[in-house]
PDB file of all heavy atoms in Angstrom:
ATOM      1  N   LEU A   1     164.997 115.583 181.305  1.00  0.00           N
ATOM      2  CA  LEU A   1     164.160 116.252 180.341  1.00  0.00           C
ATOM      3  C   LEU A   1     165.002 116.855 179.254  1.00  0.00           C
ATOM      4  O   LEU A   1     164.649 116.787 178.042  1.00  0.00           O
ATOM      5  CB  LEU A   1     163.289 117.296 181.017  1.00  0.00           C
ATOM      6  CG  LEU A   1     162.369 118.098 180.099  1.00  0.00           C
ATOM      7  CD1 LEU A   1     161.452 117.221 179.311  1.00  0.00           C
ATOM      8  CD2 LEU A   1     161.575 119.142 180.906  1.00  0.00           C
ATOM      9  N   ALA A   2     166.121 117.491 179.637  1.00  0.00           N
ATOM     10  CA  ALA A   2     167.008 118.116 178.636  1.00  0.00           C
ATOM     11  C   ALA A   2     167.563 117.030 177.680  1.00  0.00           C
ATOM     12  O   ALA A   2     167.627 117.265 176.487  1.00  0.00           O
ATOM     13  CB  ALA A   2     168.140 118.848 179.352  1.00  0.00           C
ATOM     14  N   ALA A   3     167.900 115.855 178.240  1.00  0.00           N
ATOM     15  CA  ALA A   3     168.416 114.790 177.396  1.00  0.00           C
ATOM     16  C   ALA A   3     167.324 114.277 176.437  1.00  0.00           C
ATOM     17  O   ALA A   3     167.600 113.989 175.254  1.00  0.00           O
ATOM     18  CB  ALA A   3     168.914 113.673 178.258  1.00  0.00           C
ATOM     19  N   LEU A   4     166.096 114.180 176.943  1.00  0.00           N
ATOM     20  CA  LEU A   4     164.988 113.752 176.103  1.00  0.00           C
ATOM     21  C   LEU A   4     164.740 114.702 174.963  1.00  0.00           C
ATOM     22  O   LEU A   4     164.529 114.297 173.814  1.00  0.00           O
ATOM     23  CB  LEU A   4     163.712 113.543 176.937  1.00  0.00           C
ATOM     24  CG  LEU A   4     162.460 113.122 176.171  1.00  0.00           C
ATOM     25  CD1 LEU A   4     162.695 111.781 175.490  1.00  0.00           C
ATOM     26  CD2 LEU A   4     161.266 113.036 177.136  1.00  0.00           C
ATOM     27  N   LEU A   5     164.758 116.007 175.281  1.00  0.00           N
ATOM     28  CA  LEU A   5     164.556 117.024 174.258  1.00  0.00           C
ATOM     29  C   LEU A   5     165.679 116.992 173.232  1.00  0.00           C
ATOM     30  O   LEU A   5     165.460 117.236 172.047  1.00  0.00           O
ATOM     31  CB  LEU A   5     164.425 118.417 174.895  1.00  0.00           C
ATOM     32  CG  LEU A   5     163.149 118.625 175.730  1.00  0.00           C
ATOM     33  CD1 LEU A   5     163.230 119.971 176.444  1.00  0.00           C
ATOM     34  CD2 LEU A   5     161.924 118.612 174.841  1.00  0.00           C
ATOM     35  N   SER A   6     166.899 116.704 173.719  1.00  0.00           N
ATOM     36  CA  SER A   6     168.017 116.607 172.779  1.00  0.00           C
ATOM     37  C   SER A   6     167.841 115.452 171.806  1.00  0.00           C
ATOM     38  O   SER A   6     168.067 115.584 170.624  1.00  0.00           O
ATOM     39  CB  SER A   6     169.341 116.457 173.583  1.00  0.00           C
ATOM     40  OG  SER A   6     169.557 117.546 174.452  1.00  0.00           O
ATOM     41  N   ALA A   7     167.380 114.333 172.368  1.00  0.00           N
ATOM     42  CA  ALA A   7     167.161 113.136 171.505  1.00  0.00           C
ATOM     43  C   ALA A   7     166.019 113.439 170.485  1.00  0.00           C
ATOM     44  O   ALA A   7     166.117 113.031 169.340  1.00  0.00           O
ATOM     45  CB  ALA A   7     166.788 111.952 172.389  1.00  0.00           C
ATOM     46  N   THR A   8     164.995 114.127 170.982  1.00  0.00           N
ATOM     47  CA  THR A   8     163.903 114.508 170.061  1.00  0.00           C
ATOM     48  C   THR A   8     164.395 115.422 168.980  1.00  0.00           C
ATOM     49  O   THR A   8     164.014 115.298 167.812  1.00  0.00           O
ATOM     50  CB  THR A   8     162.770 115.195 170.853  1.00  0.00           C
ATOM     51  OG1 THR A   8     162.357 114.384 171.901  1.00  0.00           O
ATOM     52  CG2 THR A   8     161.578 115.459 169.940  1.00  0.00           C
ATOM     53  N   GLY A   9     165.282 116.349 169.305  1.00  0.00           N
ATOM     54  CA  GLY A   9     165.893 117.220 168.295  1.00  0.00           C
ATOM     55  C   GLY A   9     166.648 116.448 167.225  1.00  0.00           C
ATOM     56  O   GLY A   9     166.556 116.761 166.012  1.00  0.00           O
ATOM     57  N   VAL A  10     167.361 115.392 167.615  1.00  0.00           N
ATOM     58  CA  VAL A  10     168.072 114.551 166.639  1.00  0.00           C
ATOM     59  C   VAL A  10     167.072 113.807 165.743  1.00  0.00           C
ATOM     60  O   VAL A  10     167.261 113.695 164.536  1.00  0.00           O
ATOM     61  CB  VAL A  10     168.999 113.531 167.377  1.00  0.00           C
ATOM     62  CG1 VAL A  10     169.614 112.581 166.388  1.00  0.00           C
ATOM     63  CG2 VAL A  10     170.070 114.308 168.139  1.00  0.00           C
ATOM     64  N   ALA A  11     165.992 113.333 166.360  1.00  0.00           N
ATOM     65  CA  ALA A  11     164.938 112.662 165.547  1.00  0.00           C
ATOM     66  C   ALA A  11     164.340 113.588 164.512  1.00  0.00           C
ATOM     67  O   ALA A  11     164.092 113.188 163.398  1.00  0.00           O
ATOM     68  CB  ALA A  11     163.875 112.095 166.510  1.00  0.00           C
ATOM     69  N   ILE A  12     164.129 114.831 164.925  1.00  0.00           N
ATOM     70  CA  ILE A  12     163.572 115.832 163.996  1.00  0.00           C
ATOM     71  C   ILE A  12     164.558 116.081 162.856  1.00  0.00           C
ATOM     72  O   ILE A  12     164.171 116.191 161.683  1.00  0.00           O
ATOM     73  CB  ILE A  12     163.247 117.119 164.737  1.00  0.00           C
ATOM     74  CG1 ILE A  12     162.114 116.919 165.713  1.00  0.00           C
ATOM     75  CG2 ILE A  12     162.890 118.255 163.743  1.00  0.00           C
ATOM     76  CD1 ILE A  12     161.872 118.092 166.630  1.00  0.00           C
ATOM     77  N   ALA A  13     165.879 116.082 163.177  1.00  0.00           N
ATOM     78  CA  ALA A  13     166.863 116.279 162.136  1.00  0.00           C
ATOM     79  C   ALA A  13     166.831 115.149 161.107  1.00  0.00           C
ATOM     80  O   ALA A  13     166.979 115.354 159.920  1.00  0.00           O
ATOM     81  CB  ALA A  13     168.249 116.385 162.792  1.00  0.00           C
ATOM     82  N   ILE A  14     166.639 113.925 161.629  1.00  0.00           N
ATOM     83  CA  ILE A  14     166.559 112.789 160.709  1.00  0.00           C
ATOM     84  C   ILE A  14     165.363 112.892 159.800  1.00  0.00           C
ATOM     85  O   ILE A  14     165.433 112.620 158.585  1.00  0.00           O
ATOM     86  CB  ILE A  14     166.504 111.471 161.527  1.00  0.00           C
ATOM     87  CG1 ILE A  14     167.813 111.248 162.277  1.00  0.00           C
ATOM     88  CG2 ILE A  14     166.195 110.261 160.646  1.00  0.00           C
ATOM     89  CD1 ILE A  14     167.807 110.101 163.272  1.00  0.00           C
ATOM     90  N   VAL A  15     164.211 113.320 160.373  1.00  0.00           N
ATOM     91  CA  VAL A  15     163.005 113.493 159.555  1.00  0.00           C
ATOM     92  C   VAL A  15     163.256 114.569 158.494  1.00  0.00           C
ATOM     93  O   VAL A  15     162.893 114.371 157.312  1.00  0.00           O
ATOM     94  CB  VAL A  15     161.835 113.919 160.453  1.00  0.00           C
ATOM     95  CG1 VAL A  15     160.644 114.372 159.607  1.00  0.00           C
ATOM     96  CG2 VAL A  15     161.426 112.742 161.350  1.00  0.00           C
ATOM     97  N   GLN A  16     163.872 115.699 158.877  1.00  0.00           N
ATOM     98  CA  GLN A  16     164.134 116.770 157.911  1.00  0.00           C
ATOM     99  C   GLN A  16     165.064 116.295 156.814  1.00  0.00           C
ATOM    100  O   GLN A  16     164.944 116.729 155.661  1.00  0.00           O
ATOM    101  CB  GLN A  16     164.733 117.968 158.648  1.00  0.00           C
ATOM    102  CG  GLN A  16     163.788 118.687 159.594  1.00  0.00           C
ATOM    103  CD  GLN A  16     164.466 119.804 160.344  1.00  0.00           C
ATOM    104  OE1 GLN A  16     165.685 119.913 160.388  1.00  0.00           O
ATOM    105  NE2 GLN A  16     163.662 120.659 160.955  1.00  0.00           N
ATOM    106  N   LEU A  17     165.984 115.425 157.175  1.00  0.00           N
ATOM    107  CA  LEU A  17     166.944 114.894 156.178  1.00  0.00           C
ATOM    108  C   LEU A  17     166.304 113.873 155.249  1.00  0.00           C
ATOM    109  O   LEU A  17     166.653 113.760 154.083  1.00  0.00           O
ATOM    110  CB  LEU A  17     168.145 114.254 156.919  1.00  0.00           C
ATOM    111  CG  LEU A  17     169.368 113.921 156.077  1.00  0.00           C
ATOM    112  CD1 LEU A  17     169.895 115.172 155.405  1.00  0.00           C
ATOM    113  CD2 LEU A  17     170.442 113.306 156.984  1.00  0.00           C
ATOM    114  N   ALA A  18     165.333 113.139 155.815  1.00  0.00           N
ATOM    115  CA  ALA A  18     164.669 112.103 154.985  1.00  0.00           C
ATOM    116  C   ALA A  18     163.755 112.725 153.901  1.00  0.00           C
ATOM    117  O   ALA A  18     163.599 112.099 152.831  1.00  0.00           O
ATOM    118  CB  ALA A  18     163.842 111.178 155.909  1.00  0.00           C
ATOM    119  N   GLU A  19     163.208 113.869 154.208  1.00  0.00           N
ATOM    120  CA  GLU A  19     162.266 114.463 153.266  1.00  0.00           C
ATOM    121  C   GLU A  19     162.851 114.766 151.908  1.00  0.00           C
ATOM    122  O   GLU A  19     162.249 114.480 150.868  1.00  0.00           O
ATOM    123  CB  GLU A  19     161.618 115.715 153.893  1.00  0.00           C
ATOM    124  CG  GLU A  19     160.650 115.402 155.033  1.00  0.00           C
ATOM    125  CD  GLU A  19     160.017 116.607 155.638  1.00  0.00           C
ATOM    126  OE1 GLU A  19     160.589 117.707 155.507  1.00  0.00           O
ATOM    127  OE2 GLU A  19     158.937 116.483 156.263  1.00  0.00           O
ATOM    128  N   PRO A  20     164.076 115.372 151.832  1.00  0.00           N
ATOM    129  CA  PRO A  20     164.679 115.627 150.477  1.00  0.00           C
ATOM    130  C   PRO A  20     164.946 114.312 149.739  1.00  0.00           C
ATOM    131  O   PRO A  20     164.764 114.283 148.491  1.00  0.00           O
ATOM    132  CB  PRO A  20     165.997 116.347 150.814  1.00  0.00           C
ATOM    133  CG  PRO A  20     165.732 117.001 152.103  1.00  0.00           C
ATOM    134  CD  PRO A  20     164.895 116.037 152.854  1.00  0.00           C
ATOM    135  N   VAL A  21     165.358 113.256 150.433  1.00  0.00           N
ATOM    136  CA  VAL A  21     165.623 111.963 149.774  1.00  0.00           C
ATOM    137  C   VAL A  21     164.312 111.403 149.210  1.00  0.00           C
ATOM    138  O   VAL A  21     164.254 110.968 148.050  1.00  0.00           O
ATOM    139  CB  VAL A  21     166.234 110.984 150.804  1.00  0.00           C
ATOM    140  CG1 VAL A  21     166.402 109.624 150.128  1.00  0.00           C
ATOM    141  CG2 VAL A  21     167.588 111.508 151.296  1.00  0.00           C
ATOM    142  N   LEU A  22     163.271 111.437 150.042  1.00  0.00           N
ATOM    143  CA  LEU A  22     161.953 110.925 149.592  1.00  0.00           C
ATOM    144  C   LEU A  22     161.421 111.768 148.411  1.00  0.00           C
ATOM    145  O   LEU A  22     160.838 111.224 147.486  1.00  0.00           O
ATOM    146  CB  LEU A  22     160.962 110.930 150.750  1.00  0.00           C
ATOM    147  CG  LEU A  22     161.239 109.946 151.879  1.00  0.00           C
ATOM    148  CD1 LEU A  22     160.315 110.214 153.063  1.00  0.00           C
ATOM    149  CD2 LEU A  22     161.074 108.508 151.368  1.00  0.00           C
ATOM    150  N   PHE A  23     161.612 113.065 148.518  1.00  0.00           N
ATOM    151  CA  PHE A  23     161.139 113.968 147.441  1.00  0.00           C
ATOM    152  C   PHE A  23     161.817 113.639 146.118  1.00  0.00           C
ATOM    153  O   PHE A  23     161.177 113.528 145.054  1.00  0.00           O
ATOM    154  CB  PHE A  23     161.379 115.411 147.863  1.00  0.00           C
ATOM    155  CG  PHE A  23     160.853 116.447 146.890  1.00  0.00           C
ATOM    156  CD1 PHE A  23     159.581 116.289 146.334  1.00  0.00           C
ATOM    157  CD2 PHE A  23     161.593 117.567 146.547  1.00  0.00           C
ATOM    158  CE1 PHE A  23     159.070 117.215 145.455  1.00  0.00           C
ATOM    159  CE2 PHE A  23     161.083 118.484 145.668  1.00  0.00           C
ATOM    160  CZ  PHE A  23     159.825 118.331 145.125  1.00  0.00           C
ATOM    161  N   GLY A  24     163.134 113.468 146.167  1.00  0.00           N
ATOM    162  CA  GLY A  24     163.874 113.143 144.960  1.00  0.00           C
ATOM    163  C   GLY A  24     163.459 111.847 144.356  1.00  0.00           C
ATOM    164  O   GLY A  24     163.303 111.688 143.136  1.00  0.00           O
TER     165      GLY A  24
END
């Protein structure tokens, strides 16, 4: 479960990073 949550955290980071690129 900890590993799954860690992977989900990385996915969220990718989403957060994609938003500024899409915004620009």
